[in-house]
Amino acid sequence: MKPADKHYKFINSKTGYAIYYHSINSERPIEEIKTELQEVKTKVAIQNGIYIGTVYWEEIKDDADQ
């Protein structure tokens, strides 16, 4: 199994701060990745006591990827 190679940060859109980081193996089907990200988003919102609609994720890109 390949190590996790996609990294995401979850951001509170009201503050603009990253509140959680998560890594995923990119060899998984895209639908599984999206499902996992949605589950993490829900968990992050609950743990931080914020509305789920204010949390979003974005992939962290290395400078070499750009």
Protein backbone atom coordinates (compact mmCIF):
# COMPACT_ATOMS: atom_id res chain seq x y z
CA MET A 1 0.00 0.00 0.00
CA LYS A 2 1.27 3.42 -0.97
CA PRO A 3 1.53 5.96 1.87
CA ALA A 4 -0.94 8.82 2.04
CA ASP A 5 -0.01 11.27 -0.67
CA LYS A 6 -2.91 13.71 -0.79
CA HIS A 7 -3.07 16.18 2.04
CA TYR A 8 -6.05 18.37 2.90
CA LYS A 9 -6.72 21.17 5.31
CA PHE A 10 -10.13 21.92 6.74
CA ILE A 11 -10.84 25.61 7.08
CA ASN A 12 -13.38 27.59 9.07
CA SER A 13 -14.69 30.00 6.43
CA LYS A 14 -15.74 32.56 9.06
CA THR A 15 -12.24 32.93 10.46
CA GLY A 16 -10.14 31.73 7.53
CA TYR A 17 -8.10 29.52 9.87
CA ALA A 18 -7.15 25.92 9.15
CA ILE A 19 -8.61 23.87 11.97
CA TYR A 20 -7.67 20.33 10.92
CA TYR A 21 -5.32 18.47 8.57
CA HIS A 22 -5.97 15.07 6.97
CA SER A 23 -4.07 12.80 4.57
CA ILE A 24 -5.50 10.23 2.14
CA ASN A 25 -4.05 7.64 -0.21
CA SER A 26 -4.82 8.89 -3.74
CA GLU A 27 -5.04 5.36 -5.19
CA ARG A 28 -8.53 5.05 -3.72
CA PRO A 29 -11.52 5.78 -5.98
CA ILE A 30 -12.47 9.47 -6.09
CA GLU A 31 -15.91 8.76 -4.62
CA GLU A 32 -14.33 7.09 -1.57
CA ILE A 33 -12.02 10.06 -1.12
CA LYS A 34 -14.95 12.51 -1.29
CA THR A 35 -16.96 10.41 1.16
CA GLU A 36 -14.07 10.30 3.63
CA LEU A 37 -13.51 14.05 3.33
CA GLN A 38 -17.20 14.69 4.00
CA GLU A 39 -17.09 12.44 7.08
CA VAL A 40 -14.01 14.25 8.38
CA LYS A 41 -15.68 17.62 7.70
CA THR A 42 -18.66 16.56 9.81
CA LYS A 43 -16.41 15.33 12.64
CA VAL A 44 -14.37 18.56 12.58
CA ALA A 45 -17.50 20.73 12.74
CA ILE A 46 -18.91 18.75 15.67
CA GLN A 47 -15.63 18.73 17.59
CA ASN A 48 -15.23 22.49 17.14
CA GLY A 49 -18.89 23.30 17.84
CA ILE A 50 -19.40 25.12 14.54
CA TYR A 51 -21.97 24.93 11.76
CA ILE A 52 -20.95 22.33 9.16
CA GLY A 53 -21.63 24.81 6.37
CA THR A 54 -18.76 27.01 7.56
CA VAL A 55 -16.18 24.23 7.18
CA TYR A 56 -14.59 23.42 3.84
CA TRP A 57 -11.54 21.52 2.69
CA GLU A 58 -8.86 22.22 0.16
CA GLU A 59 -5.96 20.11 -1.04
CA ILE A 60 -2.51 21.18 0.09
CA LYS A 61 -0.22 21.31 -2.92
CA ASP A 62 3.56 21.12 -2.76
CA ASP A 63 5.45 23.85 -4.57
CA ALA A 64 6.76 21.10 -6.89
CA ASP A 65 3.16 20.20 -7.87
CA GLN A 66 2.38 23.70 -9.09
